[in-house]
Amino acid sequence: MIRLAIVGGGIRGRLYSRALKDRVEIVGFADPSEETRMVLADAGHRTYGSHQQMLSSERPDAVIIATPDFAHREAAIASAEAGAHLMIEKPLATTLDDAAAIGDTVTACGVQAMVGFENRWNPHFLSIQDALSNGRLGNPVSQSFTLSNTLYVPKKMLSWSSRSSPLLFLHPHTLDLAFWLSGSAPVSVYARGHEGVLKDIGIDTWDVVHTSIRLEDDSLVDITSSWILPESAPTVADFTYQLVTDDGSAKVDMGSQGVSISHEAYETGWPLDREINGEPVGMAAWMAQRFIRDIQAGTQVSPGIEAGLRVTRTLEAIERSMRTGSPVDMETPTA
């Protein structure tokens, strides 16, 4: 059985442990928070104050990196150097320097690494990808995404929101989907951002990011991500998508999936984002389970480092465009 260690004992790390509890031996969690370690210990897990301690003590076969977005580099590199295969939360890293360092180490150490772009396991987008790959929908002309959160996310869910943004936290999902669905890479980006609402409440980051991208197949991608939707919204995430091709179109609305509840407030959501018989179901759980199956079988994990590098390269170009107010041309990625 695969010996799995998890770095990061927050929401995502715990979700992965529940999703994999009957498929692997979870040998430990590493987290610097004493409070988090106490909660994990109460649930029966071995805990460590650092990933270095855990790696030297447990020597795991695989490691899941579930730390905040900006804190992937050190733990990922140390885990790869210890010979462990990796699943790394999206994005691979928030800077290209960090992403390249992780990628170089993974290659040098001969281990595998999956980047956690969980929407590749989203049944809605899988249906569209199938229709595109078999030619039923023709060729993409434009893709439009809205993926936004209510204020709950930067104010209450993330203690590190000032070190992130709707760009870094949300755009990786939609960027990877755009590249994966089209089978094409970005050649230029133009982005505008708005600041002020979150800064006024002490969170120094972007409120809203609008991005326009041209891909190498000459198709267009437009993405909007906000962190300032009202907390009274029916869901914490507003996620919609429209594809236009030269022979059809497709739409996705993740905000309303056939379930709504009215009591003190109106709520709607996705039925698969829950637990059944004590086990999580949904994209993140299915992704983690596929990672373990591929490691056990010795097959190539996907999406890999190349997809992660492509997204991080694009994030840096978008940030540069927002700061300069000008379009940014990109070198065509090798992924």
Protein backbone atom coordinates (compact mmCIF):
# COMPACT_ATOMS: atom_id res chain seq x y z
CA MET A 1 0.00 0.00 0.00
CA ILE A 2 1.20 3.50 -0.84
CA ARG A 3 2.60 5.39 2.14
CA LEU A 4 1.21 8.91 1.79
CA ALA A 5 2.18 12.05 3.70
CA ILE A 6 0.31 15.35 3.55
CA VAL A 7 1.92 18.77 3.99
CA GLY A 8 -0.76 21.21 5.13
CA GLY A 9 -3.54 20.26 7.53
CA GLY A 10 -6.18 22.78 6.45
CA ILE A 11 -9.38 22.34 4.47
CA ARG A 12 -7.78 20.69 1.45
CA GLY A 13 -5.32 18.48 3.29
CA ARG A 14 -8.09 17.04 5.43
CA LEU A 15 -10.34 16.54 2.38
CA TYR A 16 -7.62 14.49 0.67
CA SER A 17 -7.06 12.39 3.77
CA ARG A 18 -10.76 11.51 3.90
CA ALA A 19 -10.88 10.78 0.17
CA LEU A 20 -7.88 8.42 0.37
CA LYS A 21 -8.25 6.88 3.82
CA ASP A 22 -9.12 3.39 2.51
CA ARG A 23 -6.74 3.53 -0.46
CA VAL A 24 -3.41 4.44 1.15
CA GLU A 25 -1.60 4.40 4.47
CA ILE A 26 -1.58 8.02 5.63
CA VAL A 27 1.68 8.16 7.55
CA GLY A 28 1.44 11.74 8.77
CA PHE A 29 0.53 15.39 8.42
CA ALA A 30 2.98 18.28 8.62
CA ASP A 31 1.66 21.68 9.67
CA PRO A 32 3.30 24.53 11.60
CA SER A 33 0.09 25.32 13.53
CA GLU A 34 -0.08 23.64 16.94
CA GLU A 35 -3.86 24.07 16.95
CA THR A 36 -4.17 22.31 13.59
CA ARG A 37 -1.88 19.50 14.73
CA MET A 38 -4.03 18.96 17.83
CA VAL A 39 -7.16 18.64 15.69
CA LEU A 40 -5.41 16.16 13.40
CA ALA A 41 -4.02 14.19 16.33
CA ASP A 42 -7.50 13.95 17.84
CA ALA A 43 -8.61 12.40 14.52
CA GLY A 44 -5.91 9.74 14.88
CA HIS A 45 -3.19 11.16 12.62
CA ARG A 46 0.53 11.38 13.34
CA THR A 47 1.59 14.99 13.11
CA TYR A 48 4.82 16.91 12.64
CA GLY A 49 5.68 20.57 12.98
CA SER A 50 7.62 20.60 9.70
CA HIS A 51 7.75 18.67 6.46
CA GLN A 52 11.47 18.00 7.04
CA GLN A 53 10.72 16.12 10.26
CA MET A 54 7.95 14.12 8.61
CA LEU A 55 9.97 13.19 5.53
CA SER A 56 12.95 11.97 7.54
CA SER A 57 10.82 10.03 10.00
CA GLU A 58 8.26 8.48 7.65
CA ARG A 59 9.98 8.20 4.25
CA PRO A 60 6.67 8.30 2.32
CA ASP A 61 6.15 7.00 -1.22
CA ALA A 62 4.02 10.02 -2.13
CA VAL A 63 3.31 13.46 -0.72
CA ILE A 64 0.38 15.82 -1.22
CA ILE A 65 1.33 19.50 -0.96
CA ALA A 66 -1.74 21.28 0.44
CA THR A 67 -0.07 24.41 1.79
CA PRO A 68 -1.14 27.95 0.83
CA ASP A 69 -0.50 28.80 -2.82
CA PHE A 70 2.67 30.82 -2.16
CA ALA A 71 4.23 28.12 0.04
CA HIS A 72 4.66 25.15 -2.32
CA ARG A 73 8.32 25.43 -3.28
CA GLU A 74 10.22 24.29 -0.18
CA ALA A 75 7.98 21.34 0.68
CA ALA A 76 7.69 20.15 -2.93
CA ILE A 77 11.44 20.25 -3.52
CA ALA A 78 12.23 18.50 -0.24
CA SER A 79 9.65 15.79 -0.96
CA ALA A 80 10.98 15.17 -4.47
CA GLU A 81 14.54 15.00 -3.12
CA ALA A 82 13.30 12.41 -0.63
CA GLY A 83 12.11 10.30 -3.58
CA ALA A 84 8.38 10.88 -3.12
CA HIS A 85 5.89 11.35 -5.95
CA LEU A 86 3.92 14.58 -5.65
CA MET A 87 0.44 15.94 -5.97
CA ILE A 88 0.64 19.73 -5.64
CA GLU A 89 -2.36 21.99 -5.14
CA LYS A 90 -2.99 24.47 -7.93
CA PRO A 91 -1.24 26.61 -8.90
CA LEU A 92 2.10 24.81 -9.11
CA ALA A 93 3.54 28.03 -7.69
CA THR A 94 2.72 31.73 -7.69
CA THR A 95 6.03 32.76 -9.33
CA LEU A 96 7.72 31.29 -12.37
CA ASP A 97 10.99 31.04 -10.45
CA ASP A 98 9.36 28.80 -7.82
CA ALA A 99 7.52 26.75 -10.45
CA ALA A 100 10.69 26.19 -12.48
CA ALA A 101 12.64 25.18 -9.38
CA ILE A 102 10.01 22.58 -8.51
CA GLY A 103 9.93 21.30 -12.08
CA ASP A 104 13.73 21.03 -12.32
CA THR A 105 13.88 19.10 -9.04
CA VAL A 106 11.10 16.71 -10.05
CA THR A 107 12.92 15.97 -13.31
CA ALA A 108 16.33 15.58 -11.64
CA CYS A 109 14.97 13.23 -8.97
CA GLY A 110 12.99 11.06 -11.39
CA VAL A 111 9.70 11.34 -9.52
CA GLN A 112 6.24 12.16 -10.84
CA ALA A 113 4.22 15.27 -10.04
CA MET A 114 0.54 16.02 -10.62
CA VAL A 115 -0.72 19.62 -10.41
CA GLY A 116 -4.16 19.86 -8.82
CA PHE A 117 -6.28 21.31 -11.63
CA GLU A 118 -9.36 19.55 -10.32
CA ASN A 119 -11.80 20.79 -12.96
CA ARG A 120 -10.35 18.26 -15.37
CA TRP A 121 -12.47 15.85 -13.28
CA ASN A 122 -15.58 18.06 -13.49
CA PRO A 123 -18.25 16.05 -15.40
CA HIS A 124 -19.55 19.21 -17.08
CA PHE A 125 -16.21 20.12 -18.61
CA LEU A 126 -15.37 16.49 -19.38
CA SER A 127 -18.52 16.37 -21.54
CA ILE A 128 -17.37 19.45 -23.45
CA GLN A 129 -13.83 18.12 -23.79
CA ASP A 130 -15.21 14.86 -25.21
CA ALA A 131 -17.32 16.77 -27.74
CA LEU A 132 -14.32 18.86 -28.81
CA SER A 133 -11.87 15.96 -28.99
CA ASN A 134 -14.15 13.85 -31.18
CA GLY A 135 -14.87 16.75 -33.53
CA ARG A 136 -18.57 17.03 -32.70
CA LEU A 137 -18.28 20.71 -31.72
CA GLY A 138 -15.79 21.91 -34.30
CA ASN A 139 -12.95 24.26 -33.36
CA PRO A 140 -12.99 26.81 -30.53
CA VAL A 141 -13.45 30.45 -31.48
CA SER A 142 -13.95 31.93 -28.01
CA GLN A 143 -14.23 30.85 -24.38
CA SER A 144 -15.68 33.04 -21.64
CA PHE A 145 -15.32 32.26 -17.93
CA THR A 146 -16.64 33.88 -14.78
CA LEU A 147 -15.24 32.38 -11.59
CA SER A 148 -15.73 34.57 -8.53
CA ASN A 149 -16.08 34.27 -4.75
CA THR A 150 -18.04 36.09 -2.15
CA LEU A 151 -16.26 38.19 0.46
CA TYR A 152 -16.38 35.15 2.74
CA VAL A 153 -13.28 33.73 1.03
CA PRO A 154 -10.81 36.63 1.52
CA LYS A 155 -12.36 37.77 4.84
CA LYS A 156 -12.99 34.49 6.65
CA MET A 157 -11.90 31.36 4.78
CA LEU A 158 -8.28 32.31 4.00
CA SER A 159 -6.01 33.67 6.71
CA TRP A 160 -3.47 34.47 3.98
CA SER A 161 -5.69 36.34 1.49
CA SER A 162 -3.41 39.40 1.47
CA ARG A 163 -0.73 37.12 -0.01
CA SER A 164 -3.11 35.90 -2.70
CA SER A 165 -5.73 37.42 -5.01
CA PRO A 166 -8.63 36.43 -7.26
CA LEU A 167 -5.93 36.10 -9.93
CA LEU A 168 -3.77 33.62 -8.01
CA PHE A 169 -6.59 31.79 -6.24
CA LEU A 170 -9.19 31.52 -9.03
CA HIS A 171 -7.57 32.09 -12.44
CA PRO A 172 -5.50 28.86 -12.31
CA HIS A 173 -8.73 26.85 -12.60
CA THR A 174 -10.00 28.71 -15.64
CA LEU A 175 -6.63 29.14 -17.34
CA ASP A 176 -5.95 25.42 -17.23
CA LEU A 177 -9.45 24.66 -18.49
CA ALA A 178 -9.05 27.09 -21.39
CA PHE A 179 -5.73 25.56 -22.47
CA TRP A 180 -6.89 21.96 -21.92
CA LEU A 181 -10.22 22.32 -23.72
CA SER A 182 -8.72 24.15 -26.69
CA GLY A 183 -5.50 22.17 -26.85
CA SER A 184 -3.78 25.49 -27.43
CA ALA A 185 -1.31 27.73 -25.59
CA PRO A 186 -1.41 31.48 -24.86
CA VAL A 187 0.50 33.93 -27.05
CA SER A 188 -0.68 37.27 -25.63
CA VAL A 189 -2.60 38.60 -22.63
CA TYR A 190 -4.21 41.89 -21.69
CA ALA A 191 -5.61 42.36 -18.19
CA ARG A 192 -7.11 45.05 -16.02
CA GLY A 193 -7.61 44.93 -12.26
CA HIS A 194 -9.55 46.90 -9.65
CA GLU A 195 -8.24 47.65 -6.14
CA GLY A 196 -9.77 49.44 -3.16
CA VAL A 197 -12.69 47.51 -1.68
CA LEU A 198 -10.56 44.84 0.00
CA LYS A 199 -7.79 47.31 0.85
CA ASP A 200 -10.34 49.38 2.77
CA ILE A 201 -10.96 46.42 5.10
CA GLY A 202 -7.25 45.64 5.53
CA ILE A 203 -6.76 43.00 2.81
CA ASP A 204 -4.11 44.31 0.42
CA THR A 205 -5.00 42.61 -2.85
CA TRP A 206 -7.01 42.93 -6.05
CA ASP A 207 -10.82 43.09 -5.88
CA VAL A 208 -11.51 42.05 -9.47
CA VAL A 209 -9.38 40.86 -12.38
CA HIS A 210 -10.49 40.92 -16.05
CA THR A 211 -8.27 39.02 -18.51
CA SER A 212 -8.30 38.66 -22.29
CA ILE A 213 -6.05 36.08 -23.93
CA ARG A 214 -5.27 35.15 -27.50
CA LEU A 215 -4.22 31.52 -28.02
CA GLU A 216 -1.86 30.19 -30.66
CA ASP A 217 -4.85 28.73 -32.58
CA ASP A 218 -6.14 32.35 -32.83
CA SER A 219 -9.08 31.66 -30.51
CA LEU A 220 -9.93 34.06 -27.69
CA VAL A 221 -10.36 33.59 -23.94
CA ASP A 222 -12.01 36.05 -21.54
CA ILE A 223 -11.90 35.50 -17.77
CA THR A 224 -13.42 37.51 -14.92
CA SER A 225 -12.64 36.75 -11.26
CA SER A 226 -13.85 38.75 -8.26
CA TRP A 227 -13.38 38.43 -4.52
CA ILE A 228 -16.02 40.99 -3.52
CA LEU A 229 -19.38 39.36 -4.27
CA PRO A 230 -21.78 39.86 -1.34
CA GLU A 231 -21.89 37.15 1.30
CA SER A 232 -25.68 37.02 0.81
CA ALA A 233 -25.13 35.34 -2.59
CA PRO A 234 -26.67 31.84 -2.79
CA THR A 235 -23.25 30.16 -3.24
CA VAL A 236 -19.73 31.06 -2.21
CA ALA A 237 -18.58 30.60 -5.83
CA ASP A 238 -20.13 31.96 -9.03
CA PHE A 239 -18.85 29.82 -11.91
CA THR A 240 -20.15 30.06 -15.48
CA TYR A 241 -18.65 29.20 -18.87
CA GLN A 242 -19.54 29.69 -22.51
CA LEU A 243 -17.78 28.17 -25.50
CA VAL A 244 -18.38 29.32 -29.07
CA THR A 245 -16.95 27.21 -31.90
CA ASP A 246 -17.08 27.36 -35.67
CA ASP A 247 -19.77 24.68 -35.55
CA GLY A 248 -21.63 25.04 -32.23
CA SER A 249 -21.53 26.23 -28.64
CA ALA A 250 -21.68 24.99 -25.07
CA LYS A 251 -22.54 26.47 -21.68
CA VAL A 252 -21.88 25.52 -18.06
CA ASP A 253 -23.49 27.05 -14.96
CA MET A 254 -21.94 25.56 -11.86
CA GLY A 255 -24.00 27.78 -9.55
CA SER A 256 -27.27 25.93 -10.05
CA GLN A 257 -27.21 22.15 -10.32
CA GLY A 258 -30.78 21.19 -9.50
CA VAL A 259 -30.68 21.63 -5.72
CA SER A 260 -31.94 24.71 -3.89
CA ILE A 261 -32.79 25.22 -0.24
CA SER A 262 -34.76 28.14 1.20
CA HIS A 263 -34.84 28.92 4.92
CA GLU A 264 -33.33 32.09 6.44
CA ALA A 265 -31.53 32.53 3.14
CA TYR A 266 -31.64 31.00 -0.33
CA GLU A 267 -28.94 28.47 -1.14
CA THR A 268 -28.12 26.51 -4.24
CA GLY A 269 -25.20 24.27 -5.02
CA TRP A 270 -23.71 21.20 -6.61
CA PRO A 271 -24.97 17.89 -5.14
CA LEU A 272 -21.62 16.16 -5.70
CA ASP A 273 -19.77 18.61 -3.43
CA ARG A 274 -20.45 16.59 -0.29
CA GLU A 275 -19.69 13.33 1.53
CA ILE A 276 -21.48 10.03 0.98
CA ASN A 277 -21.02 7.29 3.59
CA GLY A 278 -18.29 9.38 5.19
CA GLU A 279 -16.25 9.74 2.00
CA PRO A 280 -15.92 12.93 -0.07
CA VAL A 281 -17.14 12.87 -3.65
CA GLY A 282 -16.47 15.42 -6.33
CA MET A 283 -13.59 16.70 -8.43
CA ALA A 284 -10.92 17.09 -5.74
CA ALA A 285 -11.55 13.61 -4.32
CA TRP A 286 -11.61 11.97 -7.75
CA MET A 287 -8.39 13.76 -8.71
CA ALA A 288 -6.57 12.55 -5.59
CA GLN A 289 -7.82 9.00 -6.14
CA ARG A 290 -6.60 9.06 -9.74
CA PHE A 291 -3.18 10.25 -8.55
CA ILE A 292 -2.88 7.26 -6.24
CA ARG A 293 -4.10 4.81 -8.90
CA ASP A 294 -1.55 6.10 -11.40
CA ILE A 295 1.30 5.92 -8.88
CA GLN A 296 0.31 2.38 -7.95
CA ALA A 297 0.14 1.36 -11.61
CA GLY A 298 3.36 3.15 -12.54
CA THR A 299 1.57 5.14 -15.24
CA GLN A 300 2.12 8.81 -16.08
CA VAL A 301 0.22 11.26 -13.89
CA SER A 302 -1.63 14.16 -15.50
CA PRO A 303 -1.87 17.14 -15.50
CA GLY A 304 1.84 17.35 -14.93
CA ILE A 305 4.56 19.93 -14.40
CA GLU A 306 4.30 21.31 -17.95
CA ALA A 307 0.65 22.27 -17.42
CA GLY A 308 1.56 23.90 -14.11
CA LEU A 309 4.40 25.89 -15.65
CA ARG A 310 2.14 27.11 -18.44
CA VAL A 311 -0.44 28.42 -15.99
CA THR A 312 2.12 30.11 -13.73
CA ARG A 313 3.82 31.69 -16.75
CA THR A 314 0.43 33.11 -17.76
CA LEU A 315 -0.32 34.36 -14.24
CA GLU A 316 2.93 36.36 -14.27
CA ALA A 317 2.08 37.83 -17.68
CA ILE A 318 -1.40 38.83 -16.47
CA GLU A 319 0.03 40.50 -13.36
CA ARG A 320 2.53 42.38 -15.52
CA SER A 321 -0.25 43.52 -17.85
CA MET A 322 -2.35 44.80 -14.93
CA ARG A 323 0.58 46.75 -13.51
CA THR A 324 1.64 48.29 -16.81
CA GLY A 325 -1.78 48.72 -18.42
CA SER A 326 -0.42 47.18 -21.63
CA PRO A 327 -0.77 43.88 -23.48
CA VAL A 328 1.97 41.32 -22.86
CA ASP A 329 3.26 39.00 -25.57
CA MET A 330 4.36 35.58 -24.38
CA GLU A 331 6.85 33.09 -25.65
CA THR A 332 4.98 30.00 -26.76
CA PRO A 333 5.21 27.46 -23.87
CA THR A 334 6.66 24.07 -24.60
CA ALA A 335 3.75 22.29 -22.86
